[in-house]
Amino acid sequence: MTRGLECYLIRMSLSDLGRHIDGVYIGCLVYADDIILLSASVAHLQMMLDICYVRGTEIDIMFNAKKSSLFVVGRACDVLIDTLTIGRDTINWNKSMKHL
């Protein structure tokens, strides 16, 4: 794993945003050049996106909002949810998830 992606994991874990299961932090999953953020709160998810954006600018990584996607699981899946952004770009909400 590159040093930059390690820093994402560390910053997300230290932020205490995202999900924990049995005391294990799983709010930020990284594989190759993909980052998956997990959060039970839309407000916390926006904070996590802000951390990604700020850290990305520090290490010269650009996030593409058009290639990014937001997905809801559970009771809120039919509720209208606020728009989230990474930097100044809006990320779209989707009804299904596909990972290539």
PDB file of N, CA and C in Angstrom:
ATOM      1  N   MET A   1       0.852  -1.179   0.000  1.00  0.00           N
ATOM      2  CA  MET A   1       0.000   0.000   0.000  1.00  0.00           C
ATOM      3  C   MET A   1       0.890   1.231   0.000  1.00  0.00           C
ATOM      4  N   THR A   2       0.497   2.199  -0.777  1.00  0.00           N
ATOM      5  CA  THR A   2       1.307   3.403  -0.840  1.00  0.00           C
ATOM      6  C   THR A   2       1.195   4.196   0.452  1.00  0.00           C
ATOM      7  N   ARG A   3       2.180   5.008   0.695  1.00  0.00           N
ATOM      8  CA  ARG A   3       2.218   5.843   1.906  1.00  0.00           C
ATOM      9  C   ARG A   3       0.992   6.745   2.007  1.00  0.00           C
ATOM     10  N   GLY A   4       0.543   7.295   0.874  1.00  0.00           N
ATOM     11  CA  GLY A   4      -0.613   8.174   0.863  1.00  0.00           C
ATOM     12  C   GLY A   4      -1.878   7.479   1.341  1.00  0.00           C
ATOM     13  N   LEU A   5      -2.103   6.254   0.852  1.00  0.00           N
ATOM     14  CA  LEU A   5      -3.299   5.526   1.269  1.00  0.00           C
ATOM     15  C   LEU A   5      -3.225   5.101   2.724  1.00  0.00           C
ATOM     16  N   GLU A   6      -2.033   4.776   3.205  1.00  0.00           N
ATOM     17  CA  GLU A   6      -1.866   4.477   4.632  1.00  0.00           C
ATOM     18  C   GLU A   6      -2.288   5.672   5.470  1.00  0.00           C
ATOM     19  N   CYS A   7      -1.931   6.855   5.022  1.00  0.00           N
ATOM     20  CA  CYS A   7      -2.295   8.077   5.747  1.00  0.00           C
ATOM     21  C   CYS A   7      -3.802   8.267   5.802  1.00  0.00           C
ATOM     22  N   TYR A   8      -4.524   7.897   4.720  1.00  0.00           N
ATOM     23  CA  TYR A   8      -5.982   7.972   4.740  1.00  0.00           C
ATOM     24  C   TYR A   8      -6.540   7.084   5.842  1.00  0.00           C
ATOM     25  N   LEU A   9      -6.053   5.867   5.895  1.00  0.00           N
ATOM     26  CA  LEU A   9      -6.539   4.932   6.908  1.00  0.00           C
ATOM     27  C   LEU A   9      -6.276   5.452   8.315  1.00  0.00           C
ATOM     28  N   ILE A  10      -5.090   5.969   8.535  1.00  0.00           N
ATOM     29  CA  ILE A  10      -4.725   6.485   9.854  1.00  0.00           C
ATOM     30  C   ILE A  10      -5.585   7.691  10.209  1.00  0.00           C
ATOM     31  N   ARG A  11      -5.718   8.637   9.290  1.00  0.00           N
ATOM     32  CA  ARG A  11      -6.519   9.841   9.577  1.00  0.00           C
ATOM     33  C   ARG A  11      -7.975   9.508   9.816  1.00  0.00           C
ATOM     34  N   MET A  12      -8.534   8.603   9.044  1.00  0.00           N
ATOM     35  CA  MET A  12      -9.933   8.223   9.240  1.00  0.00           C
ATOM     36  C   MET A  12     -10.112   7.524  10.583  1.00  0.00           C
ATOM     37  N   SER A  13      -9.214   6.634  10.896  1.00  0.00           N
ATOM     38  CA  SER A  13      -9.301   5.924  12.174  1.00  0.00           C
ATOM     39  C   SER A  13      -9.188   6.889  13.347  1.00  0.00           C
ATOM     40  N   LEU A  14      -8.253   7.826  13.275  1.00  0.00           N
ATOM     41  CA  LEU A  14      -8.077   8.800  14.351  1.00  0.00           C
ATOM     42  C   LEU A  14      -9.246   9.774  14.446  1.00  0.00           C
ATOM     43  N   SER A  15      -9.938  10.011  13.331  1.00  0.00           N
ATOM     44  CA  SER A  15     -11.069  10.942  13.341  1.00  0.00           C
ATOM     45  C   SER A  15     -12.252  10.365  14.108  1.00  0.00           C
ATOM     46  N   ASP A  16     -12.295   9.044  14.266  1.00  0.00           N
ATOM     47  CA  ASP A  16     -13.385   8.329  14.932  1.00  0.00           C
ATOM     48  C   ASP A  16     -14.702   8.487  14.176  1.00  0.00           C
ATOM     49  N   LEU A  17     -14.628   8.861  12.899  1.00  0.00           N
ATOM     50  CA  LEU A  17     -15.802   8.922  12.043  1.00  0.00           C
ATOM     51  C   LEU A  17     -15.924   7.586  11.330  1.00  0.00           C
ATOM     52  N   GLY A  18     -17.119   7.210  10.969  1.00  0.00           N
ATOM     53  CA  GLY A  18     -17.306   5.951  10.263  1.00  0.00           C
ATOM     54  C   GLY A  18     -17.785   4.865  11.196  1.00  0.00           C
ATOM     55  N   ARG A  19     -17.594   3.637  10.817  1.00  0.00           N
ATOM     56  CA  ARG A  19     -18.155   2.496  11.528  1.00  0.00           C
ATOM     57  C   ARG A  19     -17.098   1.713  12.291  1.00  0.00           C
ATOM     58  N   HIS A  20     -17.531   1.143  13.405  1.00  0.00           N
ATOM     59  CA  HIS A  20     -16.727   0.228  14.210  1.00  0.00           C
ATOM     60  C   HIS A  20     -17.562  -1.032  14.442  1.00  0.00           C
ATOM     61  N   ILE A  21     -16.941  -2.161  14.339  1.00  0.00           N
ATOM     62  CA  ILE A  21     -17.600  -3.427  14.671  1.00  0.00           C
ATOM     63  C   ILE A  21     -16.715  -4.149  15.666  1.00  0.00           C
ATOM     64  N   ASP A  22     -17.288  -4.439  16.836  1.00  0.00           N
ATOM     65  CA  ASP A  22     -16.542  -5.103  17.927  1.00  0.00           C
ATOM     66  C   ASP A  22     -15.224  -4.387  18.212  1.00  0.00           C
ATOM     67  N   GLY A  23     -15.253  -3.060  18.196  1.00  0.00           N
ATOM     68  CA  GLY A  23     -14.078  -2.268  18.518  1.00  0.00           C
ATOM     69  C   GLY A  23     -13.059  -2.148  17.396  1.00  0.00           C
ATOM     70  N   VAL A  24     -13.367  -2.713  16.237  1.00  0.00           N
ATOM     71  CA  VAL A  24     -12.457  -2.642  15.085  1.00  0.00           C
ATOM     72  C   VAL A  24     -12.981  -1.590  14.112  1.00  0.00           C
ATOM     73  N   TYR A  25     -12.124  -0.670  13.711  1.00  0.00           N
ATOM     74  CA  TYR A  25     -12.514   0.395  12.797  1.00  0.00           C
ATOM     75  C   TYR A  25     -12.622  -0.133  11.376  1.00  0.00           C
ATOM     76  N   ILE A  26     -13.787   0.041  10.764  1.00  0.00           N
ATOM     77  CA  ILE A  26     -13.977  -0.363   9.360  1.00  0.00           C
ATOM     78  C   ILE A  26     -14.583   0.781   8.546  1.00  0.00           C
ATOM     79  N   GLY A  27     -14.419   2.000   8.986  1.00  0.00           N
ATOM     80  CA  GLY A  27     -15.012   3.154   8.317  1.00  0.00           C
ATOM     81  C   GLY A  27     -14.357   3.517   7.010  1.00  0.00           C
ATOM     82  N   CYS A  28     -13.147   3.037   6.783  1.00  0.00           N
ATOM     83  CA  CYS A  28     -12.422   3.361   5.557  1.00  0.00           C
ATOM     84  C   CYS A  28     -11.728   2.102   5.058  1.00  0.00           C
ATOM     85  N   LEU A  29     -12.215   1.583   3.944  1.00  0.00           N
ATOM     86  CA  LEU A  29     -11.634   0.393   3.340  1.00  0.00           C
ATOM     87  C   LEU A  29     -10.884   0.809   2.086  1.00  0.00           C
ATOM     88  N   VAL A  30      -9.673   0.311   1.923  1.00  0.00           N
ATOM     89  CA  VAL A  30      -8.841   0.696   0.792  1.00  0.00           C
ATOM     90  C   VAL A  30      -8.381  -0.554   0.057  1.00  0.00           C
ATOM     91  N   TYR A  31      -8.539  -0.526  -1.270  1.00  0.00           N
ATOM     92  CA  TYR A  31      -8.030  -1.606  -2.110  1.00  0.00           C
ATOM     93  C   TYR A  31      -7.516  -0.983  -3.398  1.00  0.00           C
ATOM     94  N   ALA A  32      -6.249  -1.194  -3.679  1.00  0.00           N
ATOM     95  CA  ALA A  32      -5.594  -0.594  -4.851  1.00  0.00           C
ATOM     96  C   ALA A  32      -5.814   0.912  -4.811  1.00  0.00           C
ATOM     97  N   ASP A  33      -6.490   1.482  -5.812  1.00  0.00           N
ATOM     98  CA  ASP A  33      -6.707   2.931  -5.801  1.00  0.00           C
ATOM     99  C   ASP A  33      -8.155   3.284  -5.456  1.00  0.00           C
ATOM    100  N   ASP A  34      -8.872   2.344  -4.844  1.00  0.00           N
ATOM    101  CA  ASP A  34     -10.258   2.574  -4.438  1.00  0.00           C
ATOM    102  C   ASP A  34     -10.339   2.802  -2.941  1.00  0.00           C
ATOM    103  N   ILE A  35     -11.219   3.705  -2.547  1.00  0.00           N
ATOM    104  CA  ILE A  35     -11.484   3.972  -1.137  1.00  0.00           C
ATOM    105  C   ILE A  35     -12.986   3.865  -0.927  1.00  0.00           C
ATOM    106  N   ILE A  36     -13.400   3.057   0.043  1.00  0.00           N
ATOM    107  CA  ILE A  36     -14.806   2.923   0.404  1.00  0.00           C
ATOM    108  C   ILE A  36     -14.965   3.487   1.809  1.00  0.00           C
ATOM    109  N   LEU A  37     -15.873   4.451   1.950  1.00  0.00           N
ATOM    110  CA  LEU A  37     -16.156   5.053   3.249  1.00  0.00           C
ATOM    111  C   LEU A  37     -17.485   4.529   3.755  1.00  0.00           C
ATOM    112  N   LEU A  38     -17.532   4.112   5.010  1.00  0.00           N
ATOM    113  CA  LEU A  38     -18.749   3.597   5.631  1.00  0.00           C
ATOM    114  C   LEU A  38     -19.113   4.471   6.812  1.00  0.00           C
ATOM    115  N   SER A  39     -20.364   4.922   6.840  1.00  0.00           N
ATOM    116  CA  SER A  39     -20.806   5.784   7.926  1.00  0.00           C
ATOM    117  C   SER A  39     -22.297   5.604   8.148  1.00  0.00           C
ATOM    118  N   ALA A  40     -22.733   5.673   9.397  1.00  0.00           N
ATOM    119  CA  ALA A  40     -24.162   5.613   9.726  1.00  0.00           C
ATOM    120  C   ALA A  40     -24.780   6.999   9.705  1.00  0.00           C
ATOM    121  N   SER A  41     -23.972   8.020   9.517  1.00  0.00           N
ATOM    122  CA  SER A  41     -24.429   9.401   9.554  1.00  0.00           C
ATOM    123  C   SER A  41     -24.017  10.130   8.276  1.00  0.00           C
ATOM    124  N   VAL A  42     -24.971  10.812   7.658  1.00  0.00           N
ATOM    125  CA  VAL A  42     -24.657  11.589   6.456  1.00  0.00           C
ATOM    126  C   VAL A  42     -23.689  12.721   6.807  1.00  0.00           C
ATOM    127  N   ALA A  43     -23.893  13.345   7.969  1.00  0.00           N
ATOM    128  CA  ALA A  43     -22.995  14.433   8.396  1.00  0.00           C
ATOM    129  C   ALA A  43     -21.574  13.916   8.584  1.00  0.00           C
ATOM    130  N   HIS A  44     -21.423  12.740   9.194  1.00  0.00           N
ATOM    131  CA  HIS A  44     -20.088  12.158   9.374  1.00  0.00           C
ATOM    132  C   HIS A  44     -19.480  11.756   8.044  1.00  0.00           C
ATOM    133  N   LEU A  45     -20.329  11.265   7.132  1.00  0.00           N
ATOM    134  CA  LEU A  45     -19.819  10.899   5.811  1.00  0.00           C
ATOM    135  C   LEU A  45     -19.262  12.127   5.099  1.00  0.00           C
ATOM    136  N   GLN A  46     -19.947  13.272   5.218  1.00  0.00           N
ATOM    137  CA  GLN A  46     -19.430  14.496   4.609  1.00  0.00           C
ATOM    138  C   GLN A  46     -18.099  14.893   5.241  1.00  0.00           C
ATOM    139  N   MET A  47     -17.973  14.721   6.553  1.00  0.00           N
ATOM    140  CA  MET A  47     -16.702  15.026   7.220  1.00  0.00           C
ATOM    141  C   MET A  47     -15.594  14.106   6.718  1.00  0.00           C
ATOM    142  N   MET A  48     -15.928  12.838   6.471  1.00  0.00           N
ATOM    143  CA  MET A  48     -14.947  11.893   5.953  1.00  0.00           C
ATOM    144  C   MET A  48     -14.526  12.284   4.538  1.00  0.00           C
ATOM    145  N   LEU A  49     -15.483  12.714   3.729  1.00  0.00           N
ATOM    146  CA  LEU A  49     -15.159  13.184   2.380  1.00  0.00           C
ATOM    147  C   LEU A  49     -14.266  14.414   2.432  1.00  0.00           C
ATOM    148  N   ASP A  50     -14.521  15.292   3.403  1.00  0.00           N
ATOM    149  CA  ASP A  50     -13.679  16.478   3.573  1.00  0.00           C
ATOM    150  C   ASP A  50     -12.248  16.095   3.933  1.00  0.00           C
ATOM    151  N   ILE A  51     -12.093  15.101   4.797  1.00  0.00           N
ATOM    152  CA  ILE A  51     -10.756  14.615   5.162  1.00  0.00           C
ATOM    153  C   ILE A  51     -10.059  14.067   3.915  1.00  0.00           C
ATOM    154  N   CYS A  52     -10.774  13.298   3.107  1.00  0.00           N
ATOM    155  CA  CYS A  52     -10.188  12.755   1.871  1.00  0.00           C
ATOM    156  C   CYS A  52      -9.742  13.875   0.950  1.00  0.00           C
ATOM    157  N   TYR A  53     -10.578  14.883   0.795  1.00  0.00           N
ATOM    158  CA  TYR A  53     -10.245  15.987  -0.102  1.00  0.00           C
ATOM    159  C   TYR A  53      -9.010  16.747   0.393  1.00  0.00           C
ATOM    160  N   VAL A  54      -8.994  17.091   1.671  1.00  0.00           N
ATOM    161  CA  VAL A  54      -7.869  17.846   2.222  1.00  0.00           C
ATOM    162  C   VAL A  54      -6.586  17.033   2.131  1.00  0.00           C
ATOM    163  N   ARG A  55      -6.638  15.774   2.543  1.00  0.00           N
ATOM    164  CA  ARG A  55      -5.447  14.926   2.485  1.00  0.00           C
ATOM    165  C   ARG A  55      -5.007  14.719   1.033  1.00  0.00           C
ATOM    166  N   GLY A  56      -5.970  14.570   0.140  1.00  0.00           N
ATOM    167  CA  GLY A  56      -5.642  14.398  -1.271  1.00  0.00           C
ATOM    168  C   GLY A  56      -4.896  15.586  -1.841  1.00  0.00           C
ATOM    169  N   THR A  57      -5.316  16.796  -1.477  1.00  0.00           N
ATOM    170  CA  THR A  57      -4.614  17.982  -1.972  1.00  0.00           C
ATOM    171  C   THR A  57      -3.202  18.059  -1.405  1.00  0.00           C
ATOM    172  N   GLU A  58      -3.007  17.549  -0.185  1.00  0.00           N
ATOM    173  CA  GLU A  58      -1.676  17.560   0.438  1.00  0.00           C
ATOM    174  C   GLU A  58      -0.705  16.617  -0.263  1.00  0.00           C
ATOM    175  N   ILE A  59      -1.214  15.491  -0.771  1.00  0.00           N
ATOM    176  CA  ILE A  59      -0.323  14.496  -1.393  1.00  0.00           C
ATOM    177  C   ILE A  59      -0.576  14.366  -2.900  1.00  0.00           C
ATOM    178  N   ASP A  60      -1.242  15.381  -3.483  1.00  0.00           N
ATOM    179  CA  ASP A  60      -1.450  15.474  -4.924  1.00  0.00           C
ATOM    180  C   ASP A  60      -2.285  14.326  -5.489  1.00  0.00           C
ATOM    181  N   ILE A  61      -3.376  13.991  -4.796  1.00  0.00           N
ATOM    182  CA  ILE A  61      -4.354  13.020  -5.292  1.00  0.00           C
ATOM    183  C   ILE A  61      -5.646  13.775  -5.565  1.00  0.00           C
ATOM    184  N   MET A  62      -6.183  13.589  -6.758  1.00  0.00           N
ATOM    185  CA  MET A  62      -7.439  14.233  -7.138  1.00  0.00           C
ATOM    186  C   MET A  62      -8.551  13.184  -7.141  1.00  0.00           C
ATOM    187  N   PHE A  63      -9.658  13.505  -6.501  1.00  0.00           N
ATOM    188  CA  PHE A  63     -10.820  12.616  -6.518  1.00  0.00           C
ATOM    189  C   PHE A  63     -11.753  13.057  -7.628  1.00  0.00           C
ATOM    190  N   ASN A  64     -12.319  12.089  -8.324  1.00  0.00           N
ATOM    191  CA  ASN A  64     -13.230  12.367  -9.422  1.00  0.00           C
ATOM    192  C   ASN A  64     -14.648  12.072  -8.938  1.00  0.00           C
ATOM    193  N   ALA A  65     -15.428  13.124  -8.681  1.00  0.00           N
ATOM    194  CA  ALA A  65     -16.797  12.959  -8.184  1.00  0.00           C
ATOM    195  C   ALA A  65     -17.672  12.222  -9.192  1.00  0.00           C
ATOM    196  N   LYS A  66     -17.376  12.347 -10.477  1.00  0.00           N
ATOM    197  CA  LYS A  66     -18.173  11.660 -11.502  1.00  0.00           C
ATOM    198  C   LYS A  66     -17.957  10.151 -11.464  1.00  0.00           C
ATOM    199  N   LYS A  67     -16.807   9.717 -10.981  1.00  0.00           N
ATOM    200  CA  LYS A  67     -16.525   8.287 -10.863  1.00  0.00           C
ATOM    201  C   LYS A  67     -16.826   7.772  -9.454  1.00  0.00           C
ATOM    202  N   SER A  68     -17.260   8.669  -8.591  1.00  0.00           N
ATOM    203  CA  SER A  68     -17.596   8.300  -7.210  1.00  0.00           C
ATOM    204  C   SER A  68     -19.096   8.102  -7.099  1.00  0.00           C
ATOM    205  N   SER A  69     -19.505   7.393  -6.045  1.00  0.00           N
ATOM    206  CA  SER A  69     -20.917   7.090  -5.880  1.00  0.00           C
ATOM    207  C   SER A  69     -21.261   6.975  -4.405  1.00  0.00           C
ATOM    208  N   LEU A  70     -22.478   7.381  -4.062  1.00  0.00           N
ATOM    209  CA  LEU A  70     -22.993   7.243  -2.704  1.00  0.00           C
ATOM    210  C   LEU A  70     -24.142   6.242  -2.742  1.00  0.00           C
ATOM    211  N   PHE A  71     -24.261   5.444  -1.694  1.00  0.00           N
ATOM    212  CA  PHE A  71     -25.231   4.355  -1.663  1.00  0.00           C
ATOM    213  C   PHE A  71     -25.775   4.220  -0.246  1.00  0.00           C
ATOM    214  N   VAL A  72     -27.087   4.076  -0.111  1.00  0.00           N
ATOM    215  CA  VAL A  72     -27.731   3.961   1.200  1.00  0.00           C
ATOM    216  C   VAL A  72     -28.234   2.542   1.389  1.00  0.00           C
ATOM    217  N   VAL A  73     -28.034   2.021   2.593  1.00  0.00           N
ATOM    218  CA  VAL A  73     -28.544   0.708   2.964  1.00  0.00           C
ATOM    219  C   VAL A  73     -29.425   0.880   4.194  1.00  0.00           C
ATOM    220  N   GLY A  74     -30.533   0.180   4.242  1.00  0.00           N
ATOM    221  CA  GLY A  74     -31.363   0.198   5.445  1.00  0.00           C
ATOM    222  C   GLY A  74     -32.621   1.029   5.309  1.00  0.00           C
ATOM    223  N   ARG A  75     -33.143   1.456   6.456  1.00  0.00           N
ATOM    224  CA  ARG A  75     -34.428   2.158   6.501  1.00  0.00           C
ATOM    225  C   ARG A  75     -34.441   3.461   5.707  1.00  0.00           C
ATOM    226  N   ALA A  76     -33.325   4.121   5.585  1.00  0.00           N
ATOM    227  CA  ALA A  76     -33.276   5.423   4.917  1.00  0.00           C
ATOM    228  C   ALA A  76     -33.135   5.307   3.403  1.00  0.00           C
ATOM    229  N   CYS A  77     -33.209   4.115   2.865  1.00  0.00           N
ATOM    230  CA  CYS A  77     -32.934   3.951   1.434  1.00  0.00           C
ATOM    231  C   CYS A  77     -33.928   4.682   0.533  1.00  0.00           C
ATOM    232  N   ASP A  78     -35.121   4.988   1.023  1.00  0.00           N
ATOM    233  CA  ASP A  78     -36.101   5.708   0.211  1.00  0.00           C
ATOM    234  C   ASP A  78     -36.266   7.166   0.623  1.00  0.00           C
ATOM    235  N   VAL A  79     -35.433   7.635   1.539  1.00  0.00           N
ATOM    236  CA  VAL A  79     -35.518   9.004   2.041  1.00  0.00           C
ATOM    237  C   VAL A  79     -34.639   9.913   1.193  1.00  0.00           C
ATOM    238  N   LEU A  80     -35.131  11.115   0.920  1.00  0.00           N
ATOM    239  CA  LEU A  80     -34.323  12.096   0.198  1.00  0.00           C
ATOM    240  C   LEU A  80     -33.192  12.559   1.113  1.00  0.00           C
ATOM    241  N   ILE A  81     -31.956  12.420   0.659  1.00  0.00           N
ATOM    242  CA  ILE A  81     -30.784  12.710   1.486  1.00  0.00           C
ATOM    243  C   ILE A  81     -30.039  13.898   0.892  1.00  0.00           C
ATOM    244  N   ASP A  82     -29.475  14.706   1.762  1.00  0.00           N
ATOM    245  CA  ASP A  82     -28.722  15.879   1.339  1.00  0.00           C
ATOM    246  C   ASP A  82     -27.628  15.526   0.339  1.00  0.00           C
ATOM    247  N   THR A  83     -27.317  16.488  -0.500  1.00  0.00           N
ATOM    248  CA  THR A  83     -26.219  16.360  -1.447  1.00  0.00           C
ATOM    249  C   THR A  83     -24.894  16.399  -0.689  1.00  0.00           C
ATOM    250  N   LEU A  84     -23.973  15.530  -1.063  1.00  0.00           N
ATOM    251  CA  LEU A  84     -22.640  15.523  -0.477  1.00  0.00           C
ATOM    252  C   LEU A  84     -21.632  15.897  -1.553  1.00  0.00           C
ATOM    253  N   THR A  85     -20.519  16.440  -1.112  1.00  0.00           N
ATOM    254  CA  THR A  85     -19.499  16.908  -2.054  1.00  0.00           C
ATOM    255  C   THR A  85     -18.117  16.425  -1.657  1.00  0.00           C
ATOM    256  N   ILE A  86     -17.253  16.405  -2.653  1.00  0.00           N
ATOM    257  CA  ILE A  86     -15.827  16.254  -2.395  1.00  0.00           C
ATOM    258  C   ILE A  86     -15.172  17.453  -3.058  1.00  0.00           C
ATOM    259  N   GLY A  87     -14.627  18.320  -2.244  1.00  0.00           N
ATOM    260  CA  GLY A  87     -14.184  19.614  -2.746  1.00  0.00           C
ATOM    261  C   GLY A  87     -15.411  20.411  -3.139  1.00  0.00           C
ATOM    262  N   ARG A  88     -15.438  20.890  -4.366  1.00  0.00           N
ATOM    263  CA  ARG A  88     -16.602  21.645  -4.866  1.00  0.00           C
ATOM    264  C   ARG A  88     -17.523  20.797  -5.729  1.00  0.00           C
ATOM    265  N   ASP A  89     -17.174  19.539  -5.937  1.00  0.00           N
ATOM    266  CA  ASP A  89     -17.927  18.662  -6.832  1.00  0.00           C
ATOM    267  C   ASP A  89     -18.937  17.807  -6.074  1.00  0.00           C
ATOM    268  N   THR A  90     -20.138  17.721  -6.629  1.00  0.00           N
ATOM    269  CA  THR A  90     -21.213  16.932  -6.033  1.00  0.00           C
ATOM    270  C   THR A  90     -21.051  15.461  -6.399  1.00  0.00           C
ATOM    271  N   ILE A  91     -21.324  14.596  -5.430  1.00  0.00           N
ATOM    272  CA  ILE A  91     -21.299  13.149  -5.660  1.00  0.00           C
ATOM    273  C   ILE A  91     -22.750  12.672  -5.725  1.00  0.00           C
ATOM    274  N   ASN A  92     -23.068  11.849  -6.720  1.00  0.00           N
ATOM    275  CA  ASN A  92     -24.435  11.376  -6.919  1.00  0.00           C
ATOM    276  C   ASN A  92     -24.793  10.227  -5.984  1.00  0.00           C
ATOM    277  N   TRP A  93     -26.052  10.220  -5.532  1.00  0.00           N
ATOM    278  CA  TRP A  93     -26.619   9.109  -4.781  1.00  0.00           C
ATOM    279  C   TRP A  93     -27.166   8.100  -5.784  1.00  0.00           C
ATOM    280  N   ASN A  94     -27.011   6.813  -5.488  1.00  0.00           N
ATOM    281  CA  ASN A  94     -27.491   5.752  -6.368  1.00  0.00           C
ATOM    282  C   ASN A  94     -28.356   4.767  -5.590  1.00  0.00           C
ATOM    283  N   LYS A  95     -29.240   4.079  -6.291  1.00  0.00           N
ATOM    284  CA  LYS A  95     -30.111   3.079  -5.678  1.00  0.00           C
ATOM    285  C   LYS A  95     -29.439   1.715  -5.557  1.00  0.00           C
ATOM    286  N   SER A  96     -28.374   1.509  -6.301  1.00  0.00           N
ATOM    287  CA  SER A  96     -27.657   0.231  -6.247  1.00  0.00           C
ATOM    288  C   SER A  96     -26.163   0.487  -6.281  1.00  0.00           C
ATOM    289  N   MET A  97     -25.410  -0.552  -5.971  1.00  0.00           N
ATOM    290  CA  MET A  97     -23.964  -0.414  -5.918  1.00  0.00           C
ATOM    291  C   MET A  97     -23.332  -1.456  -6.825  1.00  0.00           C
ATOM    292  N   LYS A  98     -22.318  -1.021  -7.573  1.00  0.00           N
ATOM    293  CA  LYS A  98     -21.555  -1.937  -8.413  1.00  0.00           C
ATOM    294  C   LYS A  98     -20.095  -1.565  -8.270  1.00  0.00           C
ATOM    295  N   HIS A  99     -19.263  -2.532  -7.986  1.00  0.00           N
ATOM    296  CA  HIS A  99     -17.832  -2.296  -7.867  1.00  0.00           C
ATOM    297  C   HIS A  99     -17.132  -3.175  -8.874  1.00  0.00           C
ATOM    298  N   LEU A 100     -16.334  -2.549  -9.702  1.00  0.00           N
ATOM    299  CA  LEU A 100     -15.611  -3.310 -10.740  1.00  0.00           C
ATOM    300  C   LEU A 100     -14.251  -3.709 -10.264  1.00  0.00           C
TER     301      LEU A 100
END
